[in-house]
Amino acid sequence: MRTAIIEISILIAAFILGWLKFGWPSLFYISLGLIGFYTIVMVTYIIVRRSVLTWSDNIFGIVAMAGWLVIAWFIMHEKGIHFWGL
């Protein structure tokens, strides 16, 4: 699970850095979509595979997911999109 978290994190980071460097709106929306998809997959995986995962895998997955959600929140505010009016 750790390698999957690292691989998807590198992919998301590449899209975010590409958006910051080139300013292409499509990279912004792709990165937000990847973060949303990553969150759904991680929550499902942690719930379904709970008995197989070690506590360190669970913590690593939850911390990575929370980190990407915080980053998504910040890049949405950078773009000027205010989620739920907050």
PDB file of N, CA and C in Angstrom:
ATOM      1  N   MET A   1       0.818  -1.180   0.000  1.00  0.00           N
ATOM      2  CA  MET A   1       0.000   0.000   0.000  1.00  0.00           C
ATOM      3  C   MET A   1       0.871   1.256   0.000  1.00  0.00           C
ATOM      4  N   ARG A   2       2.010   1.188   0.652  1.00  0.00           N
ATOM      5  CA  ARG A   2       2.868   2.369   0.719  1.00  0.00           C
ATOM      6  C   ARG A   2       3.365   2.781  -0.656  1.00  0.00           C
ATOM      7  N   THR A   3       3.706   1.818  -1.490  1.00  0.00           N
ATOM      8  CA  THR A   3       4.176   2.175  -2.830  1.00  0.00           C
ATOM      9  C   THR A   3       3.056   2.798  -3.652  1.00  0.00           C
ATOM     10  N   ALA A   4       1.833   2.324  -3.474  1.00  0.00           N
ATOM     11  CA  ALA A   4       0.701   2.917  -4.197  1.00  0.00           C
ATOM     12  C   ALA A   4       0.471   4.352  -3.754  1.00  0.00           C
ATOM     13  N   ILE A   5       0.586   4.610  -2.466  1.00  0.00           N
ATOM     14  CA  ILE A   5       0.415   5.969  -1.953  1.00  0.00           C
ATOM     15  C   ILE A   5       1.500   6.877  -2.513  1.00  0.00           C
ATOM     16  N   ILE A   6       2.725   6.398  -2.536  1.00  0.00           N
ATOM     17  CA  ILE A   6       3.834   7.209  -3.046  1.00  0.00           C
ATOM     18  C   ILE A   6       3.676   7.461  -4.540  1.00  0.00           C
ATOM     19  N   GLU A   7       3.270   6.445  -5.298  1.00  0.00           N
ATOM     20  CA  GLU A   7       3.116   6.615  -6.746  1.00  0.00           C
ATOM     21  C   GLU A   7       2.015   7.607  -7.088  1.00  0.00           C
ATOM     22  N   ILE A   8       0.856   7.484  -6.464  1.00  0.00           N
ATOM     23  CA  ILE A   8      -0.228   8.417  -6.776  1.00  0.00           C
ATOM     24  C   ILE A   8       0.112   9.815  -6.270  1.00  0.00           C
ATOM     25  N   SER A   9       0.853   9.907  -5.173  1.00  0.00           N
ATOM     26  CA  SER A   9       1.264  11.220  -4.674  1.00  0.00           C
ATOM     27  C   SER A   9       2.215  11.907  -5.640  1.00  0.00           C
ATOM     28  N   ILE A  10       3.119  11.149  -6.239  1.00  0.00           N
ATOM     29  CA  ILE A  10       4.028  11.723  -7.241  1.00  0.00           C
ATOM     30  C   ILE A  10       3.236  12.197  -8.456  1.00  0.00           C
ATOM     31  N   LEU A  11       2.246  11.419  -8.877  1.00  0.00           N
ATOM     32  CA  LEU A  11       1.424  11.801 -10.023  1.00  0.00           C
ATOM     33  C   LEU A  11       0.630  13.074  -9.737  1.00  0.00           C
ATOM     34  N   ILE A  12      -0.008  13.138  -8.582  1.00  0.00           N
ATOM     35  CA  ILE A  12      -0.778  14.332  -8.218  1.00  0.00           C
ATOM     36  C   ILE A  12       0.146  15.540  -8.113  1.00  0.00           C
ATOM     37  N   ALA A  13       1.308  15.361  -7.485  1.00  0.00           N
ATOM     38  CA  ALA A  13       2.259  16.465  -7.345  1.00  0.00           C
ATOM     39  C   ALA A  13       2.732  16.961  -8.704  1.00  0.00           C
ATOM     40  N   ALA A  14       2.919  16.061  -9.656  1.00  0.00           N
ATOM     41  CA  ALA A  14       3.342  16.471 -10.998  1.00  0.00           C
ATOM     42  C   ALA A  14       2.281  17.344 -11.659  1.00  0.00           C
ATOM     43  N   PHE A  15       1.019  16.976 -11.534  1.00  0.00           N
ATOM     44  CA  PHE A  15      -0.046  17.790 -12.121  1.00  0.00           C
ATOM     45  C   PHE A  15      -0.163  19.144 -11.428  1.00  0.00           C
ATOM     46  N   ILE A  16      -0.028  19.172 -10.105  1.00  0.00           N
ATOM     47  CA  ILE A  16      -0.109  20.444  -9.383  1.00  0.00           C
ATOM     48  C   ILE A  16       1.070  21.340  -9.748  1.00  0.00           C
ATOM     49  N   LEU A  17       2.264  20.781  -9.789  1.00  0.00           N
ATOM     50  CA  LEU A  17       3.432  21.583 -10.167  1.00  0.00           C
ATOM     51  C   LEU A  17       3.343  22.059 -11.612  1.00  0.00           C
ATOM     52  N   GLY A  18       2.798  21.219 -12.496  1.00  0.00           N
ATOM     53  CA  GLY A  18       2.576  21.642 -13.878  1.00  0.00           C
ATOM     54  C   GLY A  18       1.597  22.791 -13.967  1.00  0.00           C
ATOM     55  N   TRP A  19       0.531  22.725 -13.163  1.00  0.00           N
ATOM     56  CA  TRP A  19      -0.443  23.820 -13.152  1.00  0.00           C
ATOM     57  C   TRP A  19       0.193  25.097 -12.619  1.00  0.00           C
ATOM     58  N   LEU A  20       0.993  24.985 -11.546  1.00  0.00           N
ATOM     59  CA  LEU A  20       1.637  26.171 -10.988  1.00  0.00           C
ATOM     60  C   LEU A  20       2.651  26.769 -11.953  1.00  0.00           C
ATOM     61  N   LYS A  21       3.373  25.924 -12.690  1.00  0.00           N
ATOM     62  CA  LYS A  21       4.403  26.423 -13.604  1.00  0.00           C
ATOM     63  C   LYS A  21       3.804  26.999 -14.880  1.00  0.00           C
ATOM     64  N   PHE A  22       2.863  26.262 -15.495  1.00  0.00           N
ATOM     65  CA  PHE A  22       2.354  26.664 -16.799  1.00  0.00           C
ATOM     66  C   PHE A  22       1.017  27.391 -16.740  1.00  0.00           C
ATOM     67  N   GLY A  23       0.271  27.231 -15.656  1.00  0.00           N
ATOM     68  CA  GLY A  23      -1.001  27.918 -15.512  1.00  0.00           C
ATOM     69  C   GLY A  23      -2.119  27.347 -16.360  1.00  0.00           C
ATOM     70  N   TRP A  24      -1.988  26.116 -16.806  1.00  0.00           N
ATOM     71  CA  TRP A  24      -3.034  25.510 -17.626  1.00  0.00           C
ATOM     72  C   TRP A  24      -4.197  25.083 -16.744  1.00  0.00           C
ATOM     73  N   PRO A  25      -5.395  25.567 -17.021  1.00  0.00           N
ATOM     74  CA  PRO A  25      -6.546  25.211 -16.186  1.00  0.00           C
ATOM     75  C   PRO A  25      -6.855  23.715 -16.193  1.00  0.00           C
ATOM     76  N   SER A  26      -6.556  23.038 -17.296  1.00  0.00           N
ATOM     77  CA  SER A  26      -6.861  21.605 -17.358  1.00  0.00           C
ATOM     78  C   SER A  26      -6.048  20.823 -16.322  1.00  0.00           C
ATOM     79  N   LEU A  27      -4.806  21.231 -16.072  1.00  0.00           N
ATOM     80  CA  LEU A  27      -3.993  20.553 -15.061  1.00  0.00           C
ATOM     81  C   LEU A  27      -4.564  20.763 -13.662  1.00  0.00           C
ATOM     82  N   PHE A  28      -5.154  21.929 -13.440  1.00  0.00           N
ATOM     83  CA  PHE A  28      -5.801  22.203 -12.155  1.00  0.00           C
ATOM     84  C   PHE A  28      -6.966  21.251 -11.927  1.00  0.00           C
ATOM     85  N   TYR A  29      -7.826  21.116 -12.929  1.00  0.00           N
ATOM     86  CA  TYR A  29      -8.998  20.253 -12.770  1.00  0.00           C
ATOM     87  C   TYR A  29      -8.619  18.770 -12.736  1.00  0.00           C
ATOM     88  N   ILE A  30      -7.592  18.389 -13.477  1.00  0.00           N
ATOM     89  CA  ILE A  30      -7.120  17.004 -13.422  1.00  0.00           C
ATOM     90  C   ILE A  30      -6.577  16.695 -12.029  1.00  0.00           C
ATOM     91  N   SER A  31      -5.815  17.608 -11.455  1.00  0.00           N
ATOM     92  CA  SER A  31      -5.265  17.358 -10.119  1.00  0.00           C
ATOM     93  C   SER A  31      -6.366  17.292  -9.067  1.00  0.00           C
ATOM     94  N   LEU A  32      -7.379  18.145  -9.162  1.00  0.00           N
ATOM     95  CA  LEU A  32      -8.499  18.057  -8.225  1.00  0.00           C
ATOM     96  C   LEU A  32      -9.261  16.750  -8.395  1.00  0.00           C
ATOM     97  N   GLY A  33      -9.451  16.326  -9.633  1.00  0.00           N
ATOM     98  CA  GLY A  33     -10.116  15.052  -9.889  1.00  0.00           C
ATOM     99  C   GLY A  33      -9.329  13.878  -9.346  1.00  0.00           C
ATOM    100  N   LEU A  34      -8.008  13.919  -9.514  1.00  0.00           N
ATOM    101  CA  LEU A  34      -7.161  12.849  -8.978  1.00  0.00           C
ATOM    102  C   LEU A  34      -7.199  12.808  -7.453  1.00  0.00           C
ATOM    103  N   ILE A  35      -7.218  13.968  -6.820  1.00  0.00           N
ATOM    104  CA  ILE A  35      -7.293  14.002  -5.358  1.00  0.00           C
ATOM    105  C   ILE A  35      -8.630  13.436  -4.887  1.00  0.00           C
ATOM    106  N   GLY A  36      -9.718  13.799  -5.565  1.00  0.00           N
ATOM    107  CA  GLY A  36     -11.028  13.250  -5.214  1.00  0.00           C
ATOM    108  C   GLY A  36     -11.088  11.748  -5.407  1.00  0.00           C
ATOM    109  N   PHE A  37     -10.577  11.274  -6.537  1.00  0.00           N
ATOM    110  CA  PHE A  37     -10.556   9.841  -6.814  1.00  0.00           C
ATOM    111  C   PHE A  37      -9.679   9.112  -5.806  1.00  0.00           C
ATOM    112  N   TYR A  38      -8.530   9.685  -5.484  1.00  0.00           N
ATOM    113  CA  TYR A  38      -7.616   9.095  -4.503  1.00  0.00           C
ATOM    114  C   TYR A  38      -8.298   8.960  -3.145  1.00  0.00           C
ATOM    115  N   THR A  39      -9.038   9.986  -2.741  1.00  0.00           N
ATOM    116  CA  THR A  39      -9.728   9.947  -1.456  1.00  0.00           C
ATOM    117  C   THR A  39     -10.778   8.849  -1.421  1.00  0.00           C
ATOM    118  N   ILE A  40     -11.563   8.736  -2.485  1.00  0.00           N
ATOM    119  CA  ILE A  40     -12.593   7.699  -2.546  1.00  0.00           C
ATOM    120  C   ILE A  40     -11.965   6.310  -2.502  1.00  0.00           C
ATOM    121  N   VAL A  41     -10.913   6.105  -3.275  1.00  0.00           N
ATOM    122  CA  VAL A  41     -10.248   4.797  -3.306  1.00  0.00           C
ATOM    123  C   VAL A  41      -9.624   4.467  -1.951  1.00  0.00           C
ATOM    124  N   MET A  42      -8.974   5.436  -1.318  1.00  0.00           N
ATOM    125  CA  MET A  42      -8.327   5.176  -0.031  1.00  0.00           C
ATOM    126  C   MET A  42      -9.341   4.848   1.055  1.00  0.00           C
ATOM    127  N   VAL A  43     -10.433   5.591   1.119  1.00  0.00           N
ATOM    128  CA  VAL A  43     -11.457   5.308   2.130  1.00  0.00           C
ATOM    129  C   VAL A  43     -12.035   3.918   1.911  1.00  0.00           C
ATOM    130  N   THR A  44     -12.347   3.588   0.659  1.00  0.00           N
ATOM    131  CA  THR A  44     -12.882   2.263   0.351  1.00  0.00           C
ATOM    132  C   THR A  44     -11.879   1.173   0.698  1.00  0.00           C
ATOM    133  N   TYR A  45     -10.626   1.372   0.343  1.00  0.00           N
ATOM    134  CA  TYR A  45      -9.593   0.366   0.601  1.00  0.00           C
ATOM    135  C   TYR A  45      -9.377   0.163   2.097  1.00  0.00           C
ATOM    136  N   ILE A  46      -9.345   1.246   2.853  1.00  0.00           N
ATOM    137  CA  ILE A  46      -9.134   1.134   4.295  1.00  0.00           C
ATOM    138  C   ILE A  46     -10.311   0.429   4.962  1.00  0.00           C
ATOM    139  N   ILE A  47     -11.521   0.690   4.494  1.00  0.00           N
ATOM    140  CA  ILE A  47     -12.693   0.030   5.075  1.00  0.00           C
ATOM    141  C   ILE A  47     -12.736  -1.444   4.707  1.00  0.00           C
ATOM    142  N   VAL A  48     -12.520  -1.768   3.434  1.00  0.00           N
ATOM    143  CA  VAL A  48     -12.645  -3.151   2.969  1.00  0.00           C
ATOM    144  C   VAL A  48     -11.484  -4.013   3.459  1.00  0.00           C
ATOM    145  N   ARG A  49     -10.269  -3.500   3.424  1.00  0.00           N
ATOM    146  CA  ARG A  49      -9.076  -4.287   3.757  1.00  0.00           C
ATOM    147  C   ARG A  49      -8.587  -4.017   5.186  1.00  0.00           C
ATOM    148  N   ARG A  50      -9.467  -3.610   6.053  1.00  0.00           N
ATOM    149  CA  ARG A  50      -9.106  -3.227   7.415  1.00  0.00           C
ATOM    150  C   ARG A  50      -8.351  -4.334   8.155  1.00  0.00           C
ATOM    151  N   SER A  51      -8.780  -5.576   7.998  1.00  0.00           N
ATOM    152  CA  SER A  51      -8.162  -6.672   8.755  1.00  0.00           C
ATOM    153  C   SER A  51      -6.761  -7.023   8.246  1.00  0.00           C
ATOM    154  N   VAL A  52      -6.468  -6.713   6.998  1.00  0.00           N
ATOM    155  CA  VAL A  52      -5.174  -7.070   6.406  1.00  0.00           C
ATOM    156  C   VAL A  52      -4.126  -5.981   6.643  1.00  0.00           C
ATOM    157  N   LEU A  53      -4.539  -4.731   6.731  1.00  0.00           N
ATOM    158  CA  LEU A  53      -3.602  -3.614   6.846  1.00  0.00           C
ATOM    159  C   LEU A  53      -3.019  -3.512   8.247  1.00  0.00           C
ATOM    160  N   THR A  54      -1.766  -3.129   8.306  1.00  0.00           N
ATOM    161  CA  THR A  54      -1.147  -2.856   9.597  1.00  0.00           C
ATOM    162  C   THR A  54      -1.554  -1.460  10.054  1.00  0.00           C
ATOM    163  N   TRP A  55      -1.333  -1.180  11.311  1.00  0.00           N
ATOM    164  CA  TRP A  55      -1.712   0.134  11.821  1.00  0.00           C
ATOM    165  C   TRP A  55      -0.874   1.226  11.175  1.00  0.00           C
ATOM    166  N   SER A  56       0.370   0.927  10.832  1.00  0.00           N
ATOM    167  CA  SER A  56       1.214   1.944  10.194  1.00  0.00           C
ATOM    168  C   SER A  56       0.731   2.251   8.772  1.00  0.00           C
ATOM    169  N   ASP A  57       0.234   1.227   8.053  1.00  0.00           N
ATOM    170  CA  ASP A  57      -0.338   1.478   6.729  1.00  0.00           C
ATOM    171  C   ASP A  57      -1.590   2.342   6.832  1.00  0.00           C
ATOM    172  N   ASN A  58      -2.419   2.053   7.827  1.00  0.00           N
ATOM    173  CA  ASN A  58      -3.621   2.864   8.026  1.00  0.00           C
ATOM    174  C   ASN A  58      -3.263   4.316   8.329  1.00  0.00           C
ATOM    175  N   ILE A  59      -2.324   4.518   9.232  1.00  0.00           N
ATOM    176  CA  ILE A  59      -1.914   5.877   9.599  1.00  0.00           C
ATOM    177  C   ILE A  59      -1.302   6.590   8.402  1.00  0.00           C
ATOM    178  N   PHE A  60      -0.424   5.905   7.669  1.00  0.00           N
ATOM    179  CA  PHE A  60       0.217   6.501   6.495  1.00  0.00           C
ATOM    180  C   PHE A  60      -0.829   6.889   5.449  1.00  0.00           C
ATOM    181  N   GLY A  61      -1.802   6.023   5.213  1.00  0.00           N
ATOM    182  CA  GLY A  61      -2.861   6.317   4.252  1.00  0.00           C
ATOM    183  C   GLY A  61      -3.732   7.480   4.680  1.00  0.00           C
ATOM    184  N   ILE A  62      -4.085   7.529   5.952  1.00  0.00           N
ATOM    185  CA  ILE A  62      -4.937   8.610   6.452  1.00  0.00           C
ATOM    186  C   ILE A  62      -4.196   9.939   6.437  1.00  0.00           C
ATOM    187  N   VAL A  63      -2.934   9.929   6.821  1.00  0.00           N
ATOM    188  CA  VAL A  63      -2.138  11.166   6.808  1.00  0.00           C
ATOM    189  C   VAL A  63      -1.958  11.672   5.380  1.00  0.00           C
ATOM    190  N   ALA A  64      -1.668  10.771   4.447  1.00  0.00           N
ATOM    191  CA  ALA A  64      -1.508  11.175   3.047  1.00  0.00           C
ATOM    192  C   ALA A  64      -2.814  11.726   2.493  1.00  0.00           C
ATOM    193  N   MET A  65      -3.928  11.070   2.812  1.00  0.00           N
ATOM    194  CA  MET A  65      -5.224  11.528   2.327  1.00  0.00           C
ATOM    195  C   MET A  65      -5.559  12.903   2.909  1.00  0.00           C
ATOM    196  N   ALA A  66      -5.329  13.092   4.193  1.00  0.00           N
ATOM    197  CA  ALA A  66      -5.597  14.384   4.817  1.00  0.00           C
ATOM    198  C   ALA A  66      -4.698  15.469   4.229  1.00  0.00           C
ATOM    199  N   GLY A  67      -3.447  15.129   3.988  1.00  0.00           N
ATOM    200  CA  GLY A  67      -2.532  16.101   3.384  1.00  0.00           C
ATOM    201  C   GLY A  67      -2.978  16.541   2.004  1.00  0.00           C
ATOM    202  N   TRP A  68      -3.410  15.586   1.170  1.00  0.00           N
ATOM    203  CA  TRP A  68      -3.863  15.944  -0.169  1.00  0.00           C
ATOM    204  C   TRP A  68      -5.162  16.736  -0.135  1.00  0.00           C
ATOM    205  N   LEU A  69      -6.042  16.452   0.830  1.00  0.00           N
ATOM    206  CA  LEU A  69      -7.271  17.239   0.944  1.00  0.00           C
ATOM    207  C   LEU A  69      -6.972  18.675   1.360  1.00  0.00           C
ATOM    208  N   VAL A  70      -5.993  18.859   2.235  1.00  0.00           N
ATOM    209  CA  VAL A  70      -5.590  20.214   2.627  1.00  0.00           C
ATOM    210  C   VAL A  70      -4.975  20.943   1.436  1.00  0.00           C
ATOM    211  N   ILE A  71      -4.136  20.262   0.682  1.00  0.00           N
ATOM    212  CA  ILE A  71      -3.539  20.873  -0.508  1.00  0.00           C
ATOM    213  C   ILE A  71      -4.620  21.224  -1.525  1.00  0.00           C
ATOM    214  N   ALA A  72      -5.609  20.340  -1.694  1.00  0.00           N
ATOM    215  CA  ALA A  72      -6.715  20.629  -2.616  1.00  0.00           C
ATOM    216  C   ALA A  72      -7.475  21.866  -2.165  1.00  0.00           C
ATOM    217  N   TRP A  73      -7.688  21.988  -0.868  1.00  0.00           N
ATOM    218  CA  TRP A  73      -8.378  23.164  -0.333  1.00  0.00           C
ATOM    219  C   TRP A  73      -7.592  24.439  -0.654  1.00  0.00           C
ATOM    220  N   PHE A  74      -6.279  24.404  -0.462  1.00  0.00           N
ATOM    221  CA  PHE A  74      -5.464  25.585  -0.723  1.00  0.00           C
ATOM    222  C   PHE A  74      -5.405  25.932  -2.209  1.00  0.00           C
ATOM    223  N   ILE A  75      -5.303  24.942  -3.084  1.00  0.00           N
ATOM    224  CA  ILE A  75      -5.237  25.284  -4.507  1.00  0.00           C
ATOM    225  C   ILE A  75      -6.593  25.749  -5.019  1.00  0.00           C
ATOM    226  N   MET A  76      -7.681  25.295  -4.411  1.00  0.00           N
ATOM    227  CA  MET A  76      -8.996  25.816  -4.792  1.00  0.00           C
ATOM    228  C   MET A  76      -9.111  27.287  -4.410  1.00  0.00           C
ATOM    229  N   HIS A  77      -8.606  27.655  -3.248  1.00  0.00           N
ATOM    230  CA  HIS A  77      -8.629  29.057  -2.841  1.00  0.00           C
ATOM    231  C   HIS A  77      -7.682  29.899  -3.690  1.00  0.00           C
ATOM    232  N   GLU A  78      -6.576  29.325  -4.098  1.00  0.00           N
ATOM    233  CA  GLU A  78      -5.649  30.034  -4.989  1.00  0.00           C
ATOM    234  C   GLU A  78      -6.315  30.335  -6.322  1.00  0.00           C
ATOM    235  N   LYS A  79      -7.101  29.398  -6.793  1.00  0.00           N
ATOM    236  CA  LYS A  79      -7.802  29.555  -8.072  1.00  0.00           C
ATOM    237  C   LYS A  79      -9.012  30.480  -7.931  1.00  0.00           C
ATOM    238  N   GLY A  80      -9.481  30.677  -6.699  1.00  0.00           N
ATOM    239  CA  GLY A  80     -10.636  31.540  -6.482  1.00  0.00           C
ATOM    240  C   GLY A  80     -11.942  30.784  -6.386  1.00  0.00           C
ATOM    241  N   ILE A  81     -11.873  29.477  -6.250  1.00  0.00           N
ATOM    242  CA  ILE A  81     -13.069  28.661  -6.092  1.00  0.00           C
ATOM    243  C   ILE A  81     -13.270  28.442  -4.603  1.00  0.00           C
ATOM    244  N   HIS A  82     -14.402  28.921  -4.091  1.00  0.00           N
ATOM    245  CA  HIS A  82     -14.677  28.783  -2.666  1.00  0.00           C
ATOM    246  C   HIS A  82     -15.722  27.708  -2.471  1.00  0.00           C
ATOM    247  N   PHE A  83     -15.286  26.601  -1.889  1.00  0.00           N
ATOM    248  CA  PHE A  83     -16.144  25.438  -1.682  1.00  0.00           C
ATOM    249  C   PHE A  83     -17.109  25.724  -0.545  1.00  0.00           C
ATOM    250  N   TRP A  84     -18.384  25.587  -0.781  1.00  0.00           N
ATOM    251  CA  TRP A  84     -19.463  25.825   0.182  1.00  0.00           C
ATOM    252  C   TRP A  84     -19.471  27.259   0.684  1.00  0.00           C
ATOM    253  N   GLY A  85     -18.899  28.166  -0.047  1.00  0.00           N
ATOM    254  CA  GLY A  85     -18.927  29.567   0.328  1.00  0.00           C
ATOM    255  C   GLY A  85     -18.037  29.927   1.503  1.00  0.00           C
ATOM    256  N   LEU A  86     -17.128  29.039   1.888  1.00  0.00           N
ATOM    257  CA  LEU A  86     -16.257  29.325   3.033  1.00  0.00           C
ATOM    258  C   LEU A  86     -14.995  30.025   2.587  1.00  0.00           C
TER     259      LEU A  86
END
